[in-house]
PDB file of all heavy atoms in Angstrom:
ATOM      1  N   ILE A   1       0.851  -1.213  -0.024  1.00  0.00           N
ATOM      2  CA  ILE A   1       0.036  -0.058   0.048  1.00  0.00           C
ATOM      3  C   ILE A   1       0.880   1.261  -0.034  1.00  0.00           C
ATOM      4  O   ILE A   1       0.610   2.224  -0.791  1.00  0.00           O
ATOM      5  CB  ILE A   1      -0.989  -0.046   1.233  1.00  0.00           C
ATOM      6  CG1 ILE A   1      -1.942  -1.136   1.102  1.00  0.00           C
ATOM      7  CG2 ILE A   1      -1.639   1.400   1.364  1.00  0.00           C
ATOM      8  CD1 ILE A   1      -2.749  -1.336   2.352  1.00  0.00           C
ATOM      9  N   LYS A   2       1.897   1.220   0.854  1.00  0.00           N
ATOM     10  CA  LYS A   2       2.807   2.351   0.929  1.00  0.00           C
ATOM     11  C   LYS A   2       3.442   2.622  -0.467  1.00  0.00           C
ATOM     12  O   LYS A   2       3.602   3.803  -0.906  1.00  0.00           O
ATOM     13  CB  LYS A   2       3.885   2.168   2.019  1.00  0.00           C
ATOM     14  CG  LYS A   2       4.797   3.379   2.231  1.00  0.00           C
ATOM     15  CD  LYS A   2       5.717   3.084   3.369  1.00  0.00           C
ATOM     16  CE  LYS A   2       6.717   4.376   3.561  1.00  0.00           C
ATOM     17  NZ  LYS A   2       7.608   4.048   4.683  1.00  0.00           N
ATOM     18  N   GLY A   3       3.950   1.585  -1.074  1.00  0.00           N
ATOM     19  CA  GLY A   3       4.611   1.758  -2.351  1.00  0.00           C
ATOM     20  C   GLY A   3       3.636   2.268  -3.432  1.00  0.00           C
ATOM     21  O   GLY A   3       4.040   3.100  -4.232  1.00  0.00           O
ATOM     22  N   MET A   4       2.399   1.725  -3.416  1.00  0.00           N
ATOM     23  CA  MET A   4       1.413   2.233  -4.434  1.00  0.00           C
ATOM     24  C   MET A   4       1.080   3.666  -4.211  1.00  0.00           C
ATOM     25  O   MET A   4       1.026   4.444  -5.211  1.00  0.00           O
ATOM     26  CB  MET A   4       0.180   1.277  -4.348  1.00  0.00           C
ATOM     27  CG  MET A   4       0.457  -0.105  -4.821  1.00  0.00           C
ATOM     28  SD  MET A   4      -1.013  -1.162  -4.616  1.00  0.00           S
ATOM     29  CE  MET A   4      -2.186  -0.334  -5.661  1.00  0.00           C
ATOM     30  N   THR A   5       0.939   4.004  -3.005  1.00  0.00           N
ATOM     31  CA  THR A   5       0.520   5.415  -2.794  1.00  0.00           C
ATOM     32  C   THR A   5       1.537   6.391  -3.065  1.00  0.00           C
ATOM     33  O   THR A   5       1.385   7.468  -3.558  1.00  0.00           O
ATOM     34  CB  THR A   5       0.069   5.589  -1.263  1.00  0.00           C
ATOM     35  OG1 THR A   5       1.107   5.104  -0.333  1.00  0.00           O
ATOM     36  CG2 THR A   5      -1.251   4.882  -1.015  1.00  0.00           C
ATOM     37  N   TRP A   6       2.894   6.082  -2.749  1.00  0.00           N
ATOM     38  CA  TRP A   6       3.955   6.853  -3.039  1.00  0.00           C
ATOM     39  C   TRP A   6       4.151   7.016  -4.574  1.00  0.00           C
ATOM     40  O   TRP A   6       4.498   8.121  -5.118  1.00  0.00           O
ATOM     41  CB  TRP A   6       5.189   6.415  -2.322  1.00  0.00           C
ATOM     42  CG  TRP A   6       5.404   6.925  -0.957  1.00  0.00           C
ATOM     43  CD1 TRP A   6       5.237   6.296   0.211  1.00  0.00           C
ATOM     44  CD2 TRP A   6       5.613   8.339  -0.547  1.00  0.00           C
ATOM     45  NE1 TRP A   6       5.345   6.992   1.268  1.00  0.00           N
ATOM     46  CE2 TRP A   6       5.665   8.255   0.876  1.00  0.00           C
ATOM     47  CE3 TRP A   6       5.842   9.475  -1.274  1.00  0.00           C
ATOM     48  CZ2 TRP A   6       5.798   9.459   1.627  1.00  0.00           C
ATOM     49  CZ3 TRP A   6       6.061  10.688  -0.548  1.00  0.00           C
ATOM     50  CH2 TRP A   6       6.055  10.637   0.898  1.00  0.00           C
ATOM     51  N   ARG A   7       3.993   5.902  -5.286  1.00  0.00           N
ATOM     52  CA  ARG A   7       4.143   5.958  -6.768  1.00  0.00           C
ATOM     53  C   ARG A   7       3.033   6.882  -7.354  1.00  0.00           C
ATOM     54  O   ARG A   7       3.273   7.610  -8.290  1.00  0.00           O
ATOM     55  CB  ARG A   7       4.012   4.611  -7.359  1.00  0.00           C
ATOM     56  CG  ARG A   7       5.257   3.645  -7.158  1.00  0.00           C
ATOM     57  CD  ARG A   7       5.299   2.521  -8.167  1.00  0.00           C
ATOM     58  NE  ARG A   7       4.231   1.580  -7.879  1.00  0.00           N
ATOM     59  CZ  ARG A   7       4.278   0.680  -6.999  1.00  0.00           C
ATOM     60  NH1 ARG A   7       5.369   0.503  -6.224  1.00  0.00           N
ATOM     61  NH2 ARG A   7       3.169  -0.104  -6.719  1.00  0.00           N
ATOM     62  N   TRP A   8       1.820   6.718  -6.816  1.00  0.00           N
ATOM     63  CA  TRP A   8       0.727   7.647  -7.238  1.00  0.00           C
ATOM     64  C   TRP A   8       1.057   9.130  -6.966  1.00  0.00           C
ATOM     65  O   TRP A   8       0.817   9.926  -7.874  1.00  0.00           O
ATOM     66  CB  TRP A   8      -0.506   7.236  -6.532  1.00  0.00           C
ATOM     67  CG  TRP A   8      -1.670   8.200  -6.744  1.00  0.00           C
ATOM     68  CD1 TRP A   8      -2.493   8.109  -7.868  1.00  0.00           C
ATOM     69  CD2 TRP A   8      -2.112   9.280  -5.923  1.00  0.00           C
ATOM     70  NE1 TRP A   8      -3.440   9.099  -7.680  1.00  0.00           N
ATOM     71  CE2 TRP A   8      -3.243   9.861  -6.510  1.00  0.00           C
ATOM     72  CE3 TRP A   8      -1.598   9.732  -4.755  1.00  0.00           C
ATOM     73  CZ2 TRP A   8      -3.821  10.963  -6.052  1.00  0.00           C
ATOM     74  CZ3 TRP A   8      -2.267  10.890  -4.207  1.00  0.00           C
ATOM     75  CH2 TRP A   8      -3.306  11.473  -4.809  1.00  0.00           C
ATOM     76  N   LEU A   9       1.597   9.375  -5.806  1.00  0.00           N
ATOM     77  CA  LEU A   9       1.956  10.704  -5.524  1.00  0.00           C
ATOM     78  C   LEU A   9       3.078  11.236  -6.478  1.00  0.00           C
ATOM     79  O   LEU A   9       2.917  12.526  -6.993  1.00  0.00           O
ATOM     80  CB  LEU A   9       2.387  10.912  -4.100  1.00  0.00           C
ATOM     81  CG  LEU A   9       2.799  12.209  -3.549  1.00  0.00           C
ATOM     82  CD1 LEU A   9       1.695  13.223  -3.668  1.00  0.00           C
ATOM     83  CD2 LEU A   9       3.470  12.165  -2.154  1.00  0.00           C
ATOM     84  N   ILE A  10       4.053  10.479  -6.704  1.00  0.00           N
ATOM     85  CA  ILE A  10       5.108  10.892  -7.582  1.00  0.00           C
ATOM     86  C   ILE A  10       4.616  11.141  -8.996  1.00  0.00           C
ATOM     87  O   ILE A  10       5.024  12.117  -9.619  1.00  0.00           O
ATOM     88  CB  ILE A  10       6.288   9.893  -7.530  1.00  0.00           C
ATOM     89  CG1 ILE A  10       6.994   9.855  -6.139  1.00  0.00           C
ATOM     90  CG2 ILE A  10       7.285  10.138  -8.687  1.00  0.00           C
ATOM     91  CD1 ILE A  10       8.001   8.758  -5.987  1.00  0.00           C
ATOM     92  N   ASN A  11       3.727  10.234  -9.436  1.00  0.00           N
ATOM     93  CA  ASN A  11       3.175  10.459 -10.803  1.00  0.00           C
ATOM     94  C   ASN A  11       2.361  11.707 -10.903  1.00  0.00           C
ATOM     95  O   ASN A  11       2.470  12.499 -11.929  1.00  0.00           O
ATOM     96  CB  ASN A  11       2.352   9.311 -11.199  1.00  0.00           C
ATOM     97  CG  ASN A  11       3.201   7.997 -11.392  1.00  0.00           C
ATOM     98  OD1 ASN A  11       4.356   8.071 -11.724  1.00  0.00           O
ATOM     99  ND2 ASN A  11       2.509   6.843 -11.215  1.00  0.00           N
ATOM    100  N   VAL A  12       1.611  11.951  -9.890  1.00  0.00           N
ATOM    101  CA  VAL A  12       0.748  13.151  -9.822  1.00  0.00           C
ATOM    102  C   VAL A  12       1.582  14.395  -9.859  1.00  0.00           C
ATOM    103  O   VAL A  12       1.388  15.348 -10.646  1.00  0.00           O
ATOM    104  CB  VAL A  12      -0.310  13.051  -8.737  1.00  0.00           C
ATOM    105  CG1 VAL A  12      -0.989  14.523  -8.607  1.00  0.00           C
ATOM    106  CG2 VAL A  12      -1.331  11.995  -8.906  1.00  0.00           C
ATOM    107  N   ILE A  13       2.527  14.407  -8.983  1.00  0.00           N
ATOM    108  CA  ILE A  13       3.435  15.646  -8.821  1.00  0.00           C
ATOM    109  C   ILE A  13       4.214  15.821 -10.104  1.00  0.00           C
ATOM    110  O   ILE A  13       4.441  16.926 -10.544  1.00  0.00           O
ATOM    111  CB  ILE A  13       4.363  15.434  -7.599  1.00  0.00           C
ATOM    112  CG1 ILE A  13       3.502  15.492  -6.314  1.00  0.00           C
ATOM    113  CG2 ILE A  13       5.436  16.588  -7.610  1.00  0.00           C
ATOM    114  CD1 ILE A  13       4.395  15.312  -5.040  1.00  0.00           C
ATOM    115  N   GLY A  14       4.624  14.710 -10.671  1.00  0.00           N
ATOM    116  CA  GLY A  14       5.406  14.791 -11.984  1.00  0.00           C
ATOM    117  C   GLY A  14       4.595  15.448 -13.073  1.00  0.00           C
ATOM    118  O   GLY A  14       5.083  16.424 -13.813  1.00  0.00           O
ATOM    119  N   VAL A  15       3.291  15.059 -13.198  1.00  0.00           N
ATOM    120  CA  VAL A  15       2.497  15.635 -14.169  1.00  0.00           C
ATOM    121  C   VAL A  15       2.187  17.175 -13.882  1.00  0.00           C
ATOM    122  O   VAL A  15       2.298  18.036 -14.700  1.00  0.00           O
ATOM    123  CB  VAL A  15       1.056  14.974 -14.206  1.00  0.00           C
ATOM    124  CG1 VAL A  15       0.155  15.702 -15.084  1.00  0.00           C
ATOM    125  CG2 VAL A  15       1.271  13.536 -14.705  1.00  0.00           C
ATOM    126  N   ILE A  16       2.063  17.498 -12.520  1.00  0.00           N
ATOM    127  CA  ILE A  16       1.883  18.925 -12.182  1.00  0.00           C
ATOM    128  C   ILE A  16       3.117  19.764 -12.462  1.00  0.00           C
ATOM    129  O   ILE A  16       3.034  20.885 -13.017  1.00  0.00           O
ATOM    130  CB  ILE A  16       1.516  19.028 -10.741  1.00  0.00           C
ATOM    131  CG1 ILE A  16       0.110  18.355 -10.471  1.00  0.00           C
ATOM    132  CG2 ILE A  16       1.444  20.466 -10.230  1.00  0.00           C
ATOM    133  CD1 ILE A  16      -0.296  18.306  -9.046  1.00  0.00           C
ATOM    134  N   VAL A  17       4.290  19.234 -12.202  1.00  0.00           N
ATOM    135  CA  VAL A  17       5.518  19.911 -12.495  1.00  0.00           C
ATOM    136  C   VAL A  17       5.691  20.189 -13.954  1.00  0.00           C
ATOM    137  O   VAL A  17       6.035  21.242 -14.375  1.00  0.00           O
ATOM    138  CB  VAL A  17       6.763  19.131 -11.930  1.00  0.00           C
ATOM    139  CG1 VAL A  17       8.047  19.785 -12.433  1.00  0.00           C
ATOM    140  CG2 VAL A  17       6.701  19.115 -10.359  1.00  0.00           C
ATOM    141  N   ILE A  18       5.287  19.223 -14.744  1.00  0.00           N
ATOM    142  CA  ILE A  18       5.421  19.384 -16.252  1.00  0.00           C
ATOM    143  C   ILE A  18       4.482  20.503 -16.765  1.00  0.00           C
ATOM    144  O   ILE A  18       4.909  21.198 -17.618  1.00  0.00           O
ATOM    145  CB  ILE A  18       5.172  18.012 -16.956  1.00  0.00           C
ATOM    146  CG1 ILE A  18       6.335  16.994 -16.648  1.00  0.00           C
ATOM    147  CG2 ILE A  18       5.049  18.268 -18.480  1.00  0.00           C
ATOM    148  CD1 ILE A  18       6.057  15.695 -17.203  1.00  0.00           C
ATOM    149  N   VAL A  19       3.204  20.458 -16.169  1.00  0.00           N
ATOM    150  CA  VAL A  19       2.375  21.502 -16.559  1.00  0.00           C
ATOM    151  C   VAL A  19       2.879  22.893 -16.144  1.00  0.00           C
ATOM    152  O   VAL A  19       2.719  23.785 -16.952  1.00  0.00           O
ATOM    153  CB  VAL A  19       0.957  21.185 -15.912  1.00  0.00           C
ATOM    154  CG1 VAL A  19       0.058  22.334 -16.118  1.00  0.00           C
ATOM    155  CG2 VAL A  19       0.355  19.883 -16.489  1.00  0.00           C
ATOM    156  N   ILE A  20       3.342  22.940 -14.882  1.00  0.00           N
ATOM    157  CA  ILE A  20       3.944  24.246 -14.486  1.00  0.00           C
ATOM    158  C   ILE A  20       5.075  24.683 -15.328  1.00  0.00           C
ATOM    159  O   ILE A  20       5.154  25.933 -15.668  1.00  0.00           O
ATOM    160  CB  ILE A  20       4.310  24.211 -12.976  1.00  0.00           C
ATOM    161  CG1 ILE A  20       3.176  23.933 -12.026  1.00  0.00           C
ATOM    162  CG2 ILE A  20       5.099  25.431 -12.482  1.00  0.00           C
ATOM    163  CD1 ILE A  20       3.478  23.638 -10.578  1.00  0.00           C
ATOM    164  N   LEU A  21       5.950  23.820 -15.729  1.00  0.00           N
ATOM    165  CA  LEU A  21       7.063  24.114 -16.627  1.00  0.00           C
ATOM    166  C   LEU A  21       6.621  24.644 -17.991  1.00  0.00           C
ATOM    167  O   LEU A  21       7.159  25.537 -18.474  1.00  0.00           O
ATOM    168  CB  LEU A  21       7.979  22.877 -16.773  1.00  0.00           C
ATOM    169  CG  LEU A  21       9.175  23.130 -17.670  1.00  0.00           C
ATOM    170  CD1 LEU A  21      10.123  24.184 -16.941  1.00  0.00           C
ATOM    171  CD2 LEU A  21       9.944  21.732 -17.826  1.00  0.00           C
ATOM    172  N   LEU A  22       5.520  23.922 -18.498  1.00  0.00           N
ATOM    173  CA  LEU A  22       5.017  24.436 -19.713  1.00  0.00           C
ATOM    174  C   LEU A  22       4.386  25.805 -19.696  1.00  0.00           C
ATOM    175  O   LEU A  22       4.568  26.712 -20.554  1.00  0.00           O
ATOM    176  CB  LEU A  22       4.048  23.434 -20.309  1.00  0.00           C
ATOM    177  CG  LEU A  22       4.474  22.123 -20.718  1.00  0.00           C
ATOM    178  CD1 LEU A  22       3.323  21.147 -21.157  1.00  0.00           C
ATOM    179  CD2 LEU A  22       5.452  22.171 -21.890  1.00  0.00           C
ATOM    180  N   ILE A  23       3.693  26.101 -18.534  1.00  0.00           N
ATOM    181  CA  ILE A  23       3.078  27.416 -18.347  1.00  0.00           C
ATOM    182  C   ILE A  23       4.201  28.407 -18.244  1.00  0.00           C
ATOM    183  O   ILE A  23       4.073  29.524 -18.768  1.00  0.00           O
ATOM    184  CB  ILE A  23       2.265  27.382 -17.135  1.00  0.00           C
ATOM    185  CG1 ILE A  23       0.965  26.491 -17.241  1.00  0.00           C
ATOM    186  CG2 ILE A  23       1.790  28.811 -16.724  1.00  0.00           C
ATOM    187  CD1 ILE A  23       0.155  26.302 -16.059  1.00  0.00           C
ATOM    188  N   GLN A  24       5.275  28.150 -17.614  1.00  0.00           N
ATOM    189  CA  GLN A  24       6.415  29.012 -17.373  1.00  0.00           C
ATOM    190  C   GLN A  24       7.031  29.360 -18.855  1.00  0.00           C
ATOM    191  O   GLN A  24       7.313  30.568 -19.099  1.00  0.00           O
ATOM    192  CB  GLN A  24       7.454  28.450 -16.482  1.00  0.00           C
ATOM    193  CG  GLN A  24       7.095  28.461 -15.076  1.00  0.00           C
ATOM    194  CD  GLN A  24       8.158  27.885 -14.181  1.00  0.00           C
ATOM    195  OE1 GLN A  24       8.805  26.910 -14.546  1.00  0.00           O
ATOM    196  NE2 GLN A  24       8.324  28.460 -12.964  1.00  0.00           N
ATOM    197  N   ILE A  25       7.216  28.379 -19.607  1.00  0.00           N
ATOM    198  CA  ILE A  25       7.836  28.561 -20.864  1.00  0.00           C
ATOM    199  C   ILE A  25       6.921  29.480 -21.793  1.00  0.00           C
ATOM    200  O   ILE A  25       7.432  30.446 -22.485  1.00  0.00           O
ATOM    201  CB  ILE A  25       8.028  27.229 -21.629  1.00  0.00           C
ATOM    202  CG1 ILE A  25       9.130  26.503 -20.960  1.00  0.00           C
ATOM    203  CG2 ILE A  25       8.395  27.522 -23.109  1.00  0.00           C
ATOM    204  CD1 ILE A  25       9.272  25.019 -21.452  1.00  0.00           C
ATOM    205  N   VAL A  26       5.603  29.196 -21.804  1.00  0.00           N
ATOM    206  CA  VAL A  26       4.650  30.057 -22.473  1.00  0.00           C
ATOM    207  C   VAL A  26       4.637  31.476 -21.993  1.00  0.00           C
ATOM    208  O   VAL A  26       4.701  32.467 -22.742  1.00  0.00           O
ATOM    209  CB  VAL A  26       3.199  29.431 -22.396  1.00  0.00           C
ATOM    210  CG1 VAL A  26       2.194  30.400 -23.046  1.00  0.00           C
ATOM    211  CG2 VAL A  26       3.189  28.149 -23.181  1.00  0.00           C
ATOM    212  N   ALA A  27       4.715  31.628 -20.672  1.00  0.00           N
ATOM    213  CA  ALA A  27       4.637  32.949 -19.959  1.00  0.00           C
ATOM    214  C   ALA A  27       5.940  33.744 -20.328  1.00  0.00           C
ATOM    215  O   ALA A  27       5.781  34.944 -20.702  1.00  0.00           O
ATOM    216  CB  ALA A  27       4.516  32.859 -18.472  1.00  0.00           C
ATOM    217  N   ILE A  28       7.081  33.127 -20.294  1.00  0.00           N
ATOM    218  CA  ILE A  28       8.293  33.854 -20.628  1.00  0.00           C
ATOM    219  C   ILE A  28       8.258  34.206 -22.135  1.00  0.00           C
ATOM    220  O   ILE A  28       8.701  35.389 -22.465  1.00  0.00           O
ATOM    221  CB  ILE A  28       9.580  33.012 -20.403  1.00  0.00           C
ATOM    222  CG1 ILE A  28       9.743  32.751 -18.881  1.00  0.00           C
ATOM    223  CG2 ILE A  28      10.854  33.562 -20.949  1.00  0.00           C
ATOM    224  CD1 ILE A  28       9.837  34.058 -18.029  1.00  0.00           C
ATOM    225  N   PHE A  29       7.810  33.332 -23.040  1.00  0.00           N
ATOM    226  CA  PHE A  29       7.795  33.734 -24.465  1.00  0.00           C
ATOM    227  C   PHE A  29       6.829  34.807 -24.673  1.00  0.00           C
ATOM    228  O   PHE A  29       7.119  35.758 -25.405  1.00  0.00           O
ATOM    229  CB  PHE A  29       7.297  32.460 -25.236  1.00  0.00           C
ATOM    230  CG  PHE A  29       7.050  32.806 -26.690  1.00  0.00           C
ATOM    231  CD1 PHE A  29       8.138  32.786 -27.582  1.00  0.00           C
ATOM    232  CD2 PHE A  29       5.787  33.045 -27.161  1.00  0.00           C
ATOM    233  CE1 PHE A  29       7.975  32.995 -28.907  1.00  0.00           C
ATOM    234  CE2 PHE A  29       5.607  33.285 -28.530  1.00  0.00           C
ATOM    235  CZ  PHE A  29       6.597  33.255 -29.408  1.00  0.00           C
ATOM    236  N   PHE A  30       5.618  34.858 -23.972  1.00  0.00           N
ATOM    237  CA  PHE A  30       4.620  35.926 -24.124  1.00  0.00           C
ATOM    238  C   PHE A  30       5.222  37.242 -23.544  1.00  0.00           C
ATOM    239  O   PHE A  30       5.135  38.254 -24.294  1.00  0.00           O
ATOM    240  CB  PHE A  30       3.433  35.547 -23.378  1.00  0.00           C
ATOM    241  CG  PHE A  30       2.423  36.655 -23.361  1.00  0.00           C
ATOM    242  CD1 PHE A  30       1.606  36.864 -24.526  1.00  0.00           C
ATOM    243  CD2 PHE A  30       2.230  37.524 -22.231  1.00  0.00           C
ATOM    244  CE1 PHE A  30       0.685  37.892 -24.511  1.00  0.00           C
ATOM    245  CE2 PHE A  30       1.272  38.515 -22.284  1.00  0.00           C
ATOM    246  CZ  PHE A  30       0.469  38.702 -23.441  1.00  0.00           C
ATOM    247  N   ILE A  31       6.017  37.199 -22.468  1.00  0.00           N
ATOM    248  CA  ILE A  31       6.572  38.424 -21.853  1.00  0.00           C
ATOM    249  C   ILE A  31       7.589  39.017 -22.792  1.00  0.00           C
ATOM    250  O   ILE A  31       7.627  40.220 -23.074  1.00  0.00           O
ATOM    251  CB  ILE A  31       7.076  38.071 -20.477  1.00  0.00           C
ATOM    252  CG1 ILE A  31       5.996  37.784 -19.501  1.00  0.00           C
ATOM    253  CG2 ILE A  31       8.021  39.313 -19.986  1.00  0.00           C
ATOM    254  CD1 ILE A  31       6.479  37.295 -18.075  1.00  0.00           C
ATOM    255  N   SER A  32       8.502  38.113 -23.275  1.00  0.00           N
ATOM    256  CA  SER A  32       9.620  38.433 -24.156  1.00  0.00           C
ATOM    257  C   SER A  32       9.017  39.082 -25.503  1.00  0.00           C
ATOM    258  O   SER A  32       9.470  40.202 -25.898  1.00  0.00           O
ATOM    259  CB  SER A  32      10.527  37.402 -24.493  1.00  0.00           C
ATOM    260  OG  SER A  32      11.532  37.765 -25.352  1.00  0.00           O
ATOM    261  N   ASP A  33       8.008  38.437 -26.026  1.00  0.00           N
ATOM    262  CA  ASP A  33       7.416  38.960 -27.293  1.00  0.00           C
ATOM    263  C   ASP A  33       6.758  40.296 -27.135  1.00  0.00           C
ATOM    264  O   ASP A  33       6.820  41.203 -27.891  1.00  0.00           O
ATOM    265  CB  ASP A  33       6.464  37.916 -27.846  1.00  0.00           C
ATOM    266  CG  ASP A  33       5.899  38.265 -29.116  1.00  0.00           C
ATOM    267  OD1 ASP A  33       6.612  38.278 -30.179  1.00  0.00           O
ATOM    268  OD2 ASP A  33       4.718  38.498 -29.184  1.00  0.00           O
ATOM    269  N   SER A  34       6.150  40.427 -25.926  1.00  0.00           N
ATOM    270  CA  SER A  34       5.365  41.717 -25.681  1.00  0.00           C
ATOM    271  C   SER A  34       6.341  42.821 -25.593  1.00  0.00           C
ATOM    272  O   SER A  34       6.102  43.893 -26.149  1.00  0.00           O
ATOM    273  CB  SER A  34       4.602  41.551 -24.349  1.00  0.00           C
ATOM    274  OG  SER A  34       3.613  40.560 -24.495  1.00  0.00           O
ATOM    275  N   TYR A  35       7.446  42.660 -24.809  1.00  0.00           N
ATOM    276  CA  TYR A  35       8.462  43.741 -24.757  1.00  0.00           C
ATOM    277  C   TYR A  35       9.030  44.131 -26.027  1.00  0.00           C
ATOM    278  O   TYR A  35       9.117  45.351 -26.378  1.00  0.00           O
ATOM    279  CB  TYR A  35       9.560  43.340 -23.713  1.00  0.00           C
ATOM    280  CG  TYR A  35       9.301  43.532 -22.336  1.00  0.00           C
ATOM    281  CD1 TYR A  35       8.920  42.576 -21.405  1.00  0.00           C
ATOM    282  CD2 TYR A  35       9.415  44.818 -21.773  1.00  0.00           C
ATOM    283  CE1 TYR A  35       8.628  42.801 -20.079  1.00  0.00           C
ATOM    284  CE2 TYR A  35       9.098  45.054 -20.445  1.00  0.00           C
ATOM    285  CZ  TYR A  35       8.730  44.051 -19.552  1.00  0.00           C
ATOM    286  OH  TYR A  35       8.411  44.348 -18.282  1.00  0.00           O
ATOM    287  N   TYR A  36       9.484  43.077 -26.845  1.00  0.00           N
ATOM    288  CA  TYR A  36      10.118  43.306 -28.064  1.00  0.00           C
ATOM    289  C   TYR A  36       9.121  43.852 -29.139  1.00  0.00           C
ATOM    290  O   TYR A  36       9.434  44.834 -29.885  1.00  0.00           O
ATOM    291  CB  TYR A  36      10.664  42.123 -28.638  1.00  0.00           C
ATOM    292  CG  TYR A  36      12.063  41.854 -28.190  1.00  0.00           C
ATOM    293  CD1 TYR A  36      12.279  41.447 -26.844  1.00  0.00           C
ATOM    294  CD2 TYR A  36      13.178  41.985 -28.998  1.00  0.00           C
ATOM    295  CE1 TYR A  36      13.658  41.229 -26.380  1.00  0.00           C
ATOM    296  CE2 TYR A  36      14.508  41.777 -28.519  1.00  0.00           C
ATOM    297  CZ  TYR A  36      14.721  41.359 -27.223  1.00  0.00           C
ATOM    298  OH  TYR A  36      15.953  41.217 -26.759  1.00  0.00           O
ATOM    299  N   SER A  37       7.855  43.535 -29.069  1.00  0.00           N
ATOM    300  CA  SER A  37       6.891  44.075 -29.904  1.00  0.00           C
ATOM    301  C   SER A  37       6.558  45.550 -29.619  1.00  0.00           C
ATOM    302  O   SER A  37       6.444  46.412 -30.575  1.00  0.00           O
ATOM    303  CB  SER A  37       5.561  43.307 -29.764  1.00  0.00           C
ATOM    304  OG  SER A  37       5.716  42.005 -30.274  1.00  0.00           O
ATOM    305  N   ALA A  38       6.582  45.834 -28.305  1.00  0.00           N
ATOM    306  CA  ALA A  38       6.456  47.311 -27.939  1.00  0.00           C
ATOM    307  C   ALA A  38       7.523  48.140 -28.358  1.00  0.00           C
ATOM    308  O   ALA A  38       7.385  49.284 -28.902  1.00  0.00           O
ATOM    309  CB  ALA A  38       6.312  47.409 -26.418  1.00  0.00           C
ATOM    310  N   VAL A  39       8.826  47.639 -28.320  1.00  0.00           N
ATOM    311  CA  VAL A  39       9.969  48.433 -28.717  1.00  0.00           C
ATOM    312  C   VAL A  39       9.955  48.579 -30.277  1.00  0.00           C
ATOM    313  O   VAL A  39      10.245  49.622 -30.757  1.00  0.00           O
ATOM    314  CB  VAL A  39      11.297  47.721 -28.285  1.00  0.00           C
ATOM    315  CG1 VAL A  39      12.526  48.465 -28.872  1.00  0.00           C
ATOM    316  CG2 VAL A  39      11.364  47.753 -26.693  1.00  0.00           C
ATOM    317  N   ARG A  40       9.562  47.471 -30.968  1.00  0.00           N
ATOM    318  CA  ARG A  40       9.535  47.518 -32.415  1.00  0.00           C
ATOM    319  C   ARG A  40       8.500  48.377 -32.954  1.00  0.00           C
ATOM    320  O   ARG A  40       8.725  49.314 -33.816  1.00  0.00           O
ATOM    321  CB  ARG A  40       9.282  46.056 -32.905  1.00  0.00           C
ATOM    322  CG  ARG A  40       9.153  45.980 -34.397  1.00  0.00           C
ATOM    323  CD  ARG A  40       8.887  44.524 -34.816  1.00  0.00           C
ATOM    324  NE  ARG A  40      10.011  43.640 -34.469  1.00  0.00           N
ATOM    325  CZ  ARG A  40       9.920  42.731 -33.538  1.00  0.00           C
ATOM    326  NH1 ARG A  40       8.874  42.581 -32.840  1.00  0.00           N
ATOM    327  NH2 ARG A  40      11.028  41.972 -33.323  1.00  0.00           N
TER     328      ARG A  40
END
């Protein structure tokens, strides 16, 4: 039971971390593009 629950937690956290990372990449791209577009 302990092994299954910990594997479940790791899988869930892993998915959440990947989603957060993707959101960060999109946010940085949007911020960078907004600044450069304003200067342009």
